[in-house]
Amino acid sequence: MRNRDQTTERVHQFLKSAQFTTSDHIIIFSGAGMSAESGISTFREKGGLWEEYAIEEVATPEAWARDPQKVLNFYNMRRKQLLEVEPNEGHYAIAELQREFNLQVITQNVDDLHERAGAEDVLHLHGELRKARSTAHPDQVYPIEGWELNWGDHCDFGSQLRPHVVWFGEMVPAMDEAIAYLEDCALMIVIGSSLQVYPAASLVQMIKSTCPVIVIDPQSVQTYGTGPLLHLESGASEGMNLIQSVLKSF
């Protein structure tokens, strides 16, 4: 990040002009870039897991109906990778801020790195990789010990378990809960999300028009919002460390 002191002052003045106070409700909205620094492959990353598979082959209801073993193998591979990485500084900064401020984490990520860093009550819009749910009884959700979920693993009612993730073409059950959090949001911090995956990306458009938005991403991101916007061209850890220092001294 170029000239940290100047950037820190920009953030401070941005929040001040938006009349933000430290008692206000903050929402952290994180995407794949949040976990990329920990070594988690992103959907569009060259050389990543998704490059070897068409999304239609592993992340849709049709793929599950056609070849469930292939889908299970793919998510087992992702789960194994998750267990080999650790939260990054950005995750820890968010968890620390949550202990001092009124802060809610909403994430598009299916990993548990926010929780492993100490964040609580994380809302996962797209499900959780380390959990499985029943194909016939969706309310039956189970933790996965280790990294394997196999064909023949059943729920308590005898139905096959599937990854507890939201596939393309499926509804996002947590959207209503996420929207409810927006009602009193006074600052939204978007980290590592391209804001291209809907309906999750629409959350940025649903906040009050006066709500300031800070986007932390090394690449340009189109928010389609109408409120005050500040873009920090940095990675998750660098950006969140700076935000943390500003909020603590604000």
C-alpha atoms as a PDB file:
ATOM      1  CA  MET A   1       0.000   0.000   0.000  1.00  0.00           C
ATOM      2  CA  ARG A   2       1.490   3.327  -1.071  1.00  0.00           C
ATOM      3  CA  ASN A   3       2.101   5.817   1.719  1.00  0.00           C
ATOM      4  CA  ARG A   4       0.368   4.187   4.653  1.00  0.00           C
ATOM      5  CA  ASP A   5       0.160   7.426   6.637  1.00  0.00           C
ATOM      6  CA  GLN A   6      -1.713   9.200   3.856  1.00  0.00           C
ATOM      7  CA  THR A   7      -4.032   6.240   3.365  1.00  0.00           C
ATOM      8  CA  THR A   8      -4.728   6.091   7.095  1.00  0.00           C
ATOM      9  CA  GLU A   9      -5.678   9.759   7.042  1.00  0.00           C
ATOM     10  CA  ARG A  10      -7.925   9.172   4.005  1.00  0.00           C
ATOM     11  CA  VAL A  11      -9.808   6.445   5.853  1.00  0.00           C
ATOM     12  CA  HIS A  12     -10.101   8.598   8.977  1.00  0.00           C
ATOM     13  CA  GLN A  13     -11.482  11.557   7.036  1.00  0.00           C
ATOM     14  CA  PHE A  14     -13.804   9.294   5.037  1.00  0.00           C
ATOM     15  CA  LEU A  15     -15.389   7.908   8.203  1.00  0.00           C
ATOM     16  CA  LYS A  16     -15.537  11.333   9.794  1.00  0.00           C
ATOM     17  CA  SER A  17     -17.318  12.874   6.805  1.00  0.00           C
ATOM     18  CA  ALA A  18     -19.772   9.952   6.818  1.00  0.00           C
ATOM     19  CA  GLN A  19     -20.509  10.765  10.495  1.00  0.00           C
ATOM     20  CA  PHE A  20     -19.520   7.272  11.578  1.00  0.00           C
ATOM     21  CA  THR A  21     -19.179   6.629  15.318  1.00  0.00           C
ATOM     22  CA  THR A  22     -17.495   3.700  17.058  1.00  0.00           C
ATOM     23  CA  SER A  23     -20.815   2.589  18.551  1.00  0.00           C
ATOM     24  CA  ASP A  24     -22.319   2.105  15.084  1.00  0.00           C
ATOM     25  CA  HIS A  25     -23.015  -1.287  13.527  1.00  0.00           C
ATOM     26  CA  ILE A  26     -20.275  -2.513  11.170  1.00  0.00           C
ATOM     27  CA  ILE A  27     -20.695  -5.288   8.612  1.00  0.00           C
ATOM     28  CA  ILE A  28     -17.709  -7.137   7.199  1.00  0.00           C
ATOM     29  CA  PHE A  29     -18.620  -8.704   3.848  1.00  0.00           C
ATOM     30  CA  SER A  30     -15.871 -11.083   2.730  1.00  0.00           C
ATOM     31  CA  GLY A  31     -15.268 -13.058  -0.432  1.00  0.00           C
ATOM     32  CA  ALA A  32     -12.720 -15.436  -1.924  1.00  0.00           C
ATOM     33  CA  GLY A  33      -9.909 -12.877  -1.847  1.00  0.00           C
ATOM     34  CA  MET A  34     -10.154 -12.857   1.943  1.00  0.00           C
ATOM     35  CA  SER A  35      -8.955 -16.459   2.101  1.00  0.00           C
ATOM     36  CA  ALA A  36      -6.651 -16.379  -0.909  1.00  0.00           C
ATOM     37  CA  GLU A  37      -3.824 -15.071   1.303  1.00  0.00           C
ATOM     38  CA  SER A  38      -4.174 -18.229   3.384  1.00  0.00           C
ATOM     39  CA  GLY A  39      -3.650 -20.382   0.307  1.00  0.00           C
ATOM     40  CA  ILE A  40      -7.262 -21.225  -0.529  1.00  0.00           C
ATOM     41  CA  SER A  41      -7.780 -21.540  -4.274  1.00  0.00           C
ATOM     42  CA  THR A  42     -10.363 -19.125  -5.663  1.00  0.00           C
ATOM     43  CA  PHE A  43     -12.957 -19.945  -8.308  1.00  0.00           C
ATOM     44  CA  ARG A  44     -11.236 -18.027 -11.083  1.00  0.00           C
ATOM     45  CA  GLU A  45      -7.622 -18.548 -10.101  1.00  0.00           C
ATOM     46  CA  LYS A  46      -5.363 -19.853 -12.856  1.00  0.00           C
ATOM     47  CA  GLY A  47      -3.947 -23.170 -11.728  1.00  0.00           C
ATOM     48  CA  GLY A  48      -6.543 -23.445  -8.952  1.00  0.00           C
ATOM     49  CA  LEU A  49      -8.938 -26.274  -8.238  1.00  0.00           C
ATOM     50  CA  TRP A  50     -11.711 -24.839 -10.372  1.00  0.00           C
ATOM     51  CA  GLU A  51      -9.565 -24.684 -13.495  1.00  0.00           C
ATOM     52  CA  GLU A  52      -9.556 -28.478 -13.656  1.00  0.00           C
ATOM     53  CA  TYR A  53     -13.327 -28.809 -13.369  1.00  0.00           C
ATOM     54  CA  ALA A  54     -16.225 -27.121 -15.106  1.00  0.00           C
ATOM     55  CA  ILE A  55     -18.546 -25.640 -12.492  1.00  0.00           C
ATOM     56  CA  GLU A  56     -21.393 -27.549 -14.098  1.00  0.00           C
ATOM     57  CA  GLU A  57     -19.592 -30.818 -13.290  1.00  0.00           C
ATOM     58  CA  VAL A  58     -19.139 -30.309  -9.553  1.00  0.00           C
ATOM     59  CA  ALA A  59     -21.237 -27.449  -8.178  1.00  0.00           C
ATOM     60  CA  THR A  60     -24.816 -27.811  -9.390  1.00  0.00           C
ATOM     61  CA  PRO A  61     -27.783 -29.997  -8.395  1.00  0.00           C
ATOM     62  CA  GLU A  62     -27.583 -31.545 -11.854  1.00  0.00           C
ATOM     63  CA  ALA A  63     -23.963 -32.558 -11.274  1.00  0.00           C
ATOM     64  CA  TRP A  64     -24.963 -34.243  -8.004  1.00  0.00           C
ATOM     65  CA  ALA A  65     -27.754 -36.146  -9.734  1.00  0.00           C
ATOM     66  CA  ARG A  66     -25.476 -37.177 -12.594  1.00  0.00           C
ATOM     67  CA  ASP A  67     -22.281 -38.120 -10.750  1.00  0.00           C
ATOM     68  CA  PRO A  68     -22.429 -37.703  -6.955  1.00  0.00           C
ATOM     69  CA  GLN A  69     -19.104 -39.460  -6.446  1.00  0.00           C
ATOM     70  CA  LYS A  70     -17.325 -36.885  -8.594  1.00  0.00           C
ATOM     71  CA  VAL A  71     -18.927 -34.099  -6.574  1.00  0.00           C
ATOM     72  CA  LEU A  72     -17.951 -35.746  -3.295  1.00  0.00           C
ATOM     73  CA  ASN A  73     -14.373 -36.198  -4.485  1.00  0.00           C
ATOM     74  CA  PHE A  74     -14.126 -32.558  -5.481  1.00  0.00           C
ATOM     75  CA  TYR A  75     -15.344 -31.234  -2.152  1.00  0.00           C
ATOM     76  CA  ASN A  76     -13.190 -33.732  -0.283  1.00  0.00           C
ATOM     77  CA  MET A  77     -10.217 -32.241  -2.098  1.00  0.00           C
ATOM     78  CA  ARG A  78     -11.267 -28.722  -1.133  1.00  0.00           C
ATOM     79  CA  ARG A  79     -11.823 -29.797   2.467  1.00  0.00           C
ATOM     80  CA  LYS A  80      -8.417 -31.433   2.630  1.00  0.00           C
ATOM     81  CA  GLN A  81      -6.832 -28.228   1.343  1.00  0.00           C
ATOM     82  CA  LEU A  82      -8.709 -26.192   3.957  1.00  0.00           C
ATOM     83  CA  LEU A  83      -7.347 -28.301   6.793  1.00  0.00           C
ATOM     84  CA  GLU A  84      -3.800 -27.641   5.576  1.00  0.00           C
ATOM     85  CA  VAL A  85      -4.014 -23.819   5.789  1.00  0.00           C
ATOM     86  CA  GLU A  86      -4.366 -21.270   8.588  1.00  0.00           C
ATOM     87  CA  PRO A  87      -6.201 -17.954   9.011  1.00  0.00           C
ATOM     88  CA  ASN A  88      -4.259 -14.904   7.851  1.00  0.00           C
ATOM     89  CA  GLU A  89      -3.677 -11.572   9.581  1.00  0.00           C
ATOM     90  CA  GLY A  90      -6.853 -10.180   8.040  1.00  0.00           C
ATOM     91  CA  HIS A  91      -8.969 -12.875   9.685  1.00  0.00           C
ATOM     92  CA  TYR A  92      -7.356 -12.182  13.048  1.00  0.00           C
ATOM     93  CA  ALA A  93      -7.825  -8.411  12.684  1.00  0.00           C
ATOM     94  CA  ILE A  94     -11.535  -8.898  12.038  1.00  0.00           C
ATOM     95  CA  ALA A  95     -11.929 -11.213  15.031  1.00  0.00           C
ATOM     96  CA  GLU A  96     -10.165  -8.720  17.278  1.00  0.00           C
ATOM     97  CA  LEU A  97     -12.347  -5.849  16.067  1.00  0.00           C
ATOM     98  CA  GLN A  98     -15.444  -7.923  16.713  1.00  0.00           C
ATOM     99  CA  ARG A  99     -14.484  -8.143  20.381  1.00  0.00           C
ATOM    100  CA  GLU A 100     -14.364  -4.334  20.616  1.00  0.00           C
ATOM    101  CA  PHE A 101     -17.043  -3.133  18.194  1.00  0.00           C
ATOM    102  CA  ASN A 102     -20.583  -3.949  17.114  1.00  0.00           C
ATOM    103  CA  LEU A 103     -19.443  -6.005  14.147  1.00  0.00           C
ATOM    104  CA  GLN A 104     -21.125  -8.749  12.113  1.00  0.00           C
ATOM    105  CA  VAL A 105     -19.266 -10.935   9.619  1.00  0.00           C
ATOM    106  CA  ILE A 106     -21.144 -12.020   6.497  1.00  0.00           C
ATOM    107  CA  THR A 107     -19.115 -14.147   4.111  1.00  0.00           C
ATOM    108  CA  GLN A 108     -19.461 -15.738   0.702  1.00  0.00           C
ATOM    109  CA  ASN A 109     -16.737 -18.189   1.706  1.00  0.00           C
ATOM    110  CA  VAL A 110     -17.461 -21.767   2.722  1.00  0.00           C
ATOM    111  CA  ASP A 111     -14.237 -22.121   4.721  1.00  0.00           C
ATOM    112  CA  ASP A 112     -14.060 -21.750   8.516  1.00  0.00           C
ATOM    113  CA  LEU A 113     -11.046 -19.429   8.665  1.00  0.00           C
ATOM    114  CA  HIS A 114     -13.015 -16.574  10.223  1.00  0.00           C
ATOM    115  CA  GLU A 115     -14.078 -18.866  13.057  1.00  0.00           C
ATOM    116  CA  ARG A 116     -10.638 -20.367  13.502  1.00  0.00           C
ATOM    117  CA  ALA A 117      -9.286 -16.832  13.922  1.00  0.00           C
ATOM    118  CA  GLY A 118     -11.798 -16.230  16.706  1.00  0.00           C
ATOM    119  CA  ALA A 119     -14.765 -14.564  14.983  1.00  0.00           C
ATOM    120  CA  GLU A 120     -18.199 -15.532  16.295  1.00  0.00           C
ATOM    121  CA  ASP A 121     -21.666 -15.857  14.737  1.00  0.00           C
ATOM    122  CA  VAL A 122     -20.275 -15.733  11.197  1.00  0.00           C
ATOM    123  CA  LEU A 123     -23.069 -15.831   8.624  1.00  0.00           C
ATOM    124  CA  HIS A 124     -22.089 -18.091   5.712  1.00  0.00           C
ATOM    125  CA  LEU A 125     -24.210 -17.201   2.694  1.00  0.00           C
ATOM    126  CA  HIS A 126     -23.018 -20.155   0.626  1.00  0.00           C
ATOM    127  CA  GLY A 127     -22.823 -22.825   3.306  1.00  0.00           C
ATOM    128  CA  GLU A 128     -19.936 -24.413   5.151  1.00  0.00           C
ATOM    129  CA  LEU A 129     -17.397 -26.814   3.696  1.00  0.00           C
ATOM    130  CA  ARG A 130     -16.790 -28.673   6.953  1.00  0.00           C
ATOM    131  CA  LYS A 131     -20.453 -29.611   7.322  1.00  0.00           C
ATOM    132  CA  ALA A 132     -22.757 -32.046   5.531  1.00  0.00           C
ATOM    133  CA  ARG A 133     -26.523 -32.079   5.236  1.00  0.00           C
ATOM    134  CA  SER A 134     -29.139 -34.656   4.419  1.00  0.00           C
ATOM    135  CA  THR A 135     -30.380 -34.844   0.854  1.00  0.00           C
ATOM    136  CA  ALA A 136     -33.912 -35.661   2.005  1.00  0.00           C
ATOM    137  CA  HIS A 137     -33.986 -33.634   5.250  1.00  0.00           C
ATOM    138  CA  PRO A 138     -32.123 -30.331   4.618  1.00  0.00           C
ATOM    139  CA  ASP A 139     -32.506 -29.265   8.234  1.00  0.00           C
ATOM    140  CA  GLN A 140     -30.314 -32.186   9.307  1.00  0.00           C
ATOM    141  CA  VAL A 141     -26.781 -30.742   9.285  1.00  0.00           C
ATOM    142  CA  TYR A 142     -23.715 -32.512  10.651  1.00  0.00           C
ATOM    143  CA  PRO A 143     -20.064 -31.558  11.219  1.00  0.00           C
ATOM    144  CA  ILE A 144     -17.564 -33.481   9.108  1.00  0.00           C
ATOM    145  CA  GLU A 145     -14.713 -34.974  11.089  1.00  0.00           C
ATOM    146  CA  GLY A 146     -11.567 -34.887   9.007  1.00  0.00           C
ATOM    147  CA  TRP A 147     -11.843 -34.127   5.312  1.00  0.00           C
ATOM    148  CA  GLU A 148     -13.818 -37.007   3.759  1.00  0.00           C
ATOM    149  CA  LEU A 149     -17.526 -37.251   3.046  1.00  0.00           C
ATOM    150  CA  ASN A 150     -18.276 -40.531   1.283  1.00  0.00           C
ATOM    151  CA  TRP A 151     -21.056 -42.189  -0.625  1.00  0.00           C
ATOM    152  CA  GLY A 152     -22.939 -44.259   1.947  1.00  0.00           C
ATOM    153  CA  ASP A 153     -22.630 -41.644   4.721  1.00  0.00           C
ATOM    154  CA  HIS A 154     -26.215 -41.174   5.853  1.00  0.00           C
ATOM    155  CA  CYS A 155     -28.193 -38.835   8.077  1.00  0.00           C
ATOM    156  CA  ASP A 156     -30.074 -40.123  11.120  1.00  0.00           C
ATOM    157  CA  PHE A 157     -33.071 -40.840   8.873  1.00  0.00           C
ATOM    158  CA  GLY A 158     -31.067 -42.926   6.404  1.00  0.00           C
ATOM    159  CA  SER A 159     -30.632 -40.420   3.569  1.00  0.00           C
ATOM    160  CA  GLN A 160     -27.336 -39.745   1.813  1.00  0.00           C
ATOM    161  CA  LEU A 161     -25.357 -36.765   3.051  1.00  0.00           C
ATOM    162  CA  ARG A 162     -24.191 -34.074   0.628  1.00  0.00           C
ATOM    163  CA  PRO A 163     -21.854 -31.097   1.053  1.00  0.00           C
ATOM    164  CA  HIS A 164     -23.510 -28.315   3.050  1.00  0.00           C
ATOM    165  CA  VAL A 165     -22.842 -25.730   0.368  1.00  0.00           C
ATOM    166  CA  VAL A 166     -25.106 -23.692  -1.882  1.00  0.00           C
ATOM    167  CA  TRP A 167     -24.633 -24.828  -5.450  1.00  0.00           C
ATOM    168  CA  PHE A 168     -25.169 -22.710  -8.531  1.00  0.00           C
ATOM    169  CA  GLY A 169     -28.875 -22.650  -9.300  1.00  0.00           C
ATOM    170  CA  GLU A 170     -29.913 -23.167  -5.669  1.00  0.00           C
ATOM    171  CA  MET A 171     -31.577 -20.683  -3.339  1.00  0.00           C
ATOM    172  CA  VAL A 172     -29.465 -18.905  -0.705  1.00  0.00           C
ATOM    173  CA  PRO A 173     -31.306 -19.666   2.561  1.00  0.00           C
ATOM    174  CA  ALA A 174     -29.258 -17.200   4.619  1.00  0.00           C
ATOM    175  CA  MET A 175     -30.134 -14.176   2.460  1.00  0.00           C
ATOM    176  CA  ASP A 176     -33.097 -13.121   4.605  1.00  0.00           C
ATOM    177  CA  GLU A 177     -30.933 -13.148   7.721  1.00  0.00           C
ATOM    178  CA  ALA A 178     -28.229 -11.176   5.925  1.00  0.00           C
ATOM    179  CA  ILE A 179     -30.731  -8.579   4.736  1.00  0.00           C
ATOM    180  CA  ALA A 180     -31.996  -8.148   8.296  1.00  0.00           C
ATOM    181  CA  TYR A 181     -28.469  -7.196   9.399  1.00  0.00           C
ATOM    182  CA  LEU A 182     -28.452  -4.362   6.858  1.00  0.00           C
ATOM    183  CA  GLU A 183     -31.175  -2.386   8.584  1.00  0.00           C
ATOM    184  CA  ASP A 184     -28.870  -0.667  11.058  1.00  0.00           C
ATOM    185  CA  CYS A 185     -25.583  -1.005   9.146  1.00  0.00           C
ATOM    186  CA  ALA A 186     -23.554   2.212   9.458  1.00  0.00           C
ATOM    187  CA  LEU A 187     -20.377   0.952   7.764  1.00  0.00           C
ATOM    188  CA  MET A 188     -19.835  -1.895   5.325  1.00  0.00           C
ATOM    189  CA  ILE A 189     -16.337  -3.186   4.656  1.00  0.00           C
ATOM    190  CA  VAL A 190     -16.087  -5.387   1.566  1.00  0.00           C
ATOM    191  CA  ILE A 191     -12.974  -7.581   1.447  1.00  0.00           C
ATOM    192  CA  GLY A 192     -11.869  -9.756  -1.450  1.00  0.00           C
ATOM    193  CA  SER A 193     -15.209 -10.000  -3.207  1.00  0.00           C
ATOM    194  CA  SER A 194     -15.583  -9.303  -6.906  1.00  0.00           C
ATOM    195  CA  LEU A 195     -19.278  -8.584  -6.216  1.00  0.00           C
ATOM    196  CA  GLN A 196     -20.186 -10.639  -9.266  1.00  0.00           C
ATOM    197  CA  VAL A 197     -21.904 -13.592  -7.578  1.00  0.00           C
ATOM    198  CA  TYR A 198     -25.596 -12.950  -7.043  1.00  0.00           C
ATOM    199  CA  PRO A 199     -27.744 -12.723  -5.031  1.00  0.00           C
ATOM    200  CA  ALA A 200     -24.992 -12.262  -2.390  1.00  0.00           C
ATOM    201  CA  ALA A 201     -23.448  -9.278  -4.199  1.00  0.00           C
ATOM    202  CA  SER A 202     -26.767  -7.439  -4.078  1.00  0.00           C
ATOM    203  CA  LEU A 203     -26.322  -6.874  -0.328  1.00  0.00           C
ATOM    204  CA  VAL A 204     -24.088  -3.892  -1.081  1.00  0.00           C
ATOM    205  CA  GLN A 205     -26.963  -2.365  -3.038  1.00  0.00           C
ATOM    206  CA  MET A 206     -29.460  -2.891  -0.203  1.00  0.00           C
ATOM    207  CA  ILE A 207     -27.798  -0.809   2.486  1.00  0.00           C
ATOM    208  CA  LYS A 208     -28.981   2.731   3.165  1.00  0.00           C
ATOM    209  CA  SER A 209     -27.886   5.242   0.540  1.00  0.00           C
ATOM    210  CA  THR A 210     -25.995   7.174   3.210  1.00  0.00           C
ATOM    211  CA  CYS A 211     -24.043   4.149   4.486  1.00  0.00           C
ATOM    212  CA  PRO A 212     -20.301   4.394   3.734  1.00  0.00           C
ATOM    213  CA  VAL A 213     -18.640   1.441   2.010  1.00  0.00           C
ATOM    214  CA  ILE A 214     -14.930   0.622   2.153  1.00  0.00           C
ATOM    215  CA  VAL A 215     -13.724  -1.882  -0.455  1.00  0.00           C
ATOM    216  CA  ILE A 216     -10.446  -3.684   0.248  1.00  0.00           C
ATOM    217  CA  ASP A 217      -9.202  -5.314  -2.953  1.00  0.00           C
ATOM    218  CA  PRO A 218      -6.049  -5.009  -5.075  1.00  0.00           C
ATOM    219  CA  GLN A 219      -8.265  -4.950  -8.164  1.00  0.00           C
ATOM    220  CA  SER A 220     -10.979  -2.505  -9.196  1.00  0.00           C
ATOM    221  CA  VAL A 221     -14.429  -3.579  -7.946  1.00  0.00           C
ATOM    222  CA  GLN A 222     -17.766  -2.254  -9.194  1.00  0.00           C
ATOM    223  CA  THR A 223     -20.183  -1.905  -6.268  1.00  0.00           C
ATOM    224  CA  TYR A 224     -23.152  -0.342  -8.100  1.00  0.00           C
ATOM    225  CA  GLY A 225     -23.959   1.447  -4.866  1.00  0.00           C
ATOM    226  CA  THR A 226     -25.049   5.051  -4.350  1.00  0.00           C
ATOM    227  CA  GLY A 227     -23.423   5.894  -1.018  1.00  0.00           C
ATOM    228  CA  PRO A 228     -19.950   7.135  -0.021  1.00  0.00           C
ATOM    229  CA  LEU A 229     -17.284   4.762  -1.325  1.00  0.00           C
ATOM    230  CA  LEU A 230     -13.586   4.349  -0.555  1.00  0.00           C
ATOM    231  CA  HIS A 231     -11.456   1.775  -2.361  1.00  0.00           C
ATOM    232  CA  LEU A 232      -8.250   0.582  -0.712  1.00  0.00           C
ATOM    233  CA  GLU A 233      -6.091  -1.139  -3.320  1.00  0.00           C
ATOM    234  CA  SER A 234      -4.534  -3.752  -1.054  1.00  0.00           C
ATOM    235  CA  GLY A 235      -4.799  -7.345   0.061  1.00  0.00           C
ATOM    236  CA  ALA A 236      -7.001  -8.467   2.922  1.00  0.00           C
ATOM    237  CA  SER A 237      -4.371  -8.487   5.667  1.00  0.00           C
ATOM    238  CA  GLU A 238      -2.773  -5.164   4.812  1.00  0.00           C
ATOM    239  CA  GLY A 239      -6.136  -3.472   4.383  1.00  0.00           C
ATOM    240  CA  MET A 240      -7.681  -4.851   7.549  1.00  0.00           C
ATOM    241  CA  ASN A 241      -4.616  -4.003   9.650  1.00  0.00           C
ATOM    242  CA  LEU A 242      -4.962  -0.406   8.501  1.00  0.00           C
ATOM    243  CA  ILE A 243      -8.723  -0.334   9.140  1.00  0.00           C
ATOM    244  CA  GLN A 244      -8.125  -1.814  12.572  1.00  0.00           C
ATOM    245  CA  SER A 245      -5.647   0.918  13.483  1.00  0.00           C
ATOM    246  CA  VAL A 246      -8.031   3.644  12.300  1.00  0.00           C
ATOM    247  CA  LEU A 247     -11.050   2.289  14.177  1.00  0.00           C
ATOM    248  CA  LYS A 248      -9.098   1.859  17.387  1.00  0.00           C
ATOM    249  CA  SER A 249      -7.963   5.472  17.288  1.00  0.00           C
ATOM    250  CA  PHE A 250     -11.140   6.957  15.838  1.00  0.00           C
END
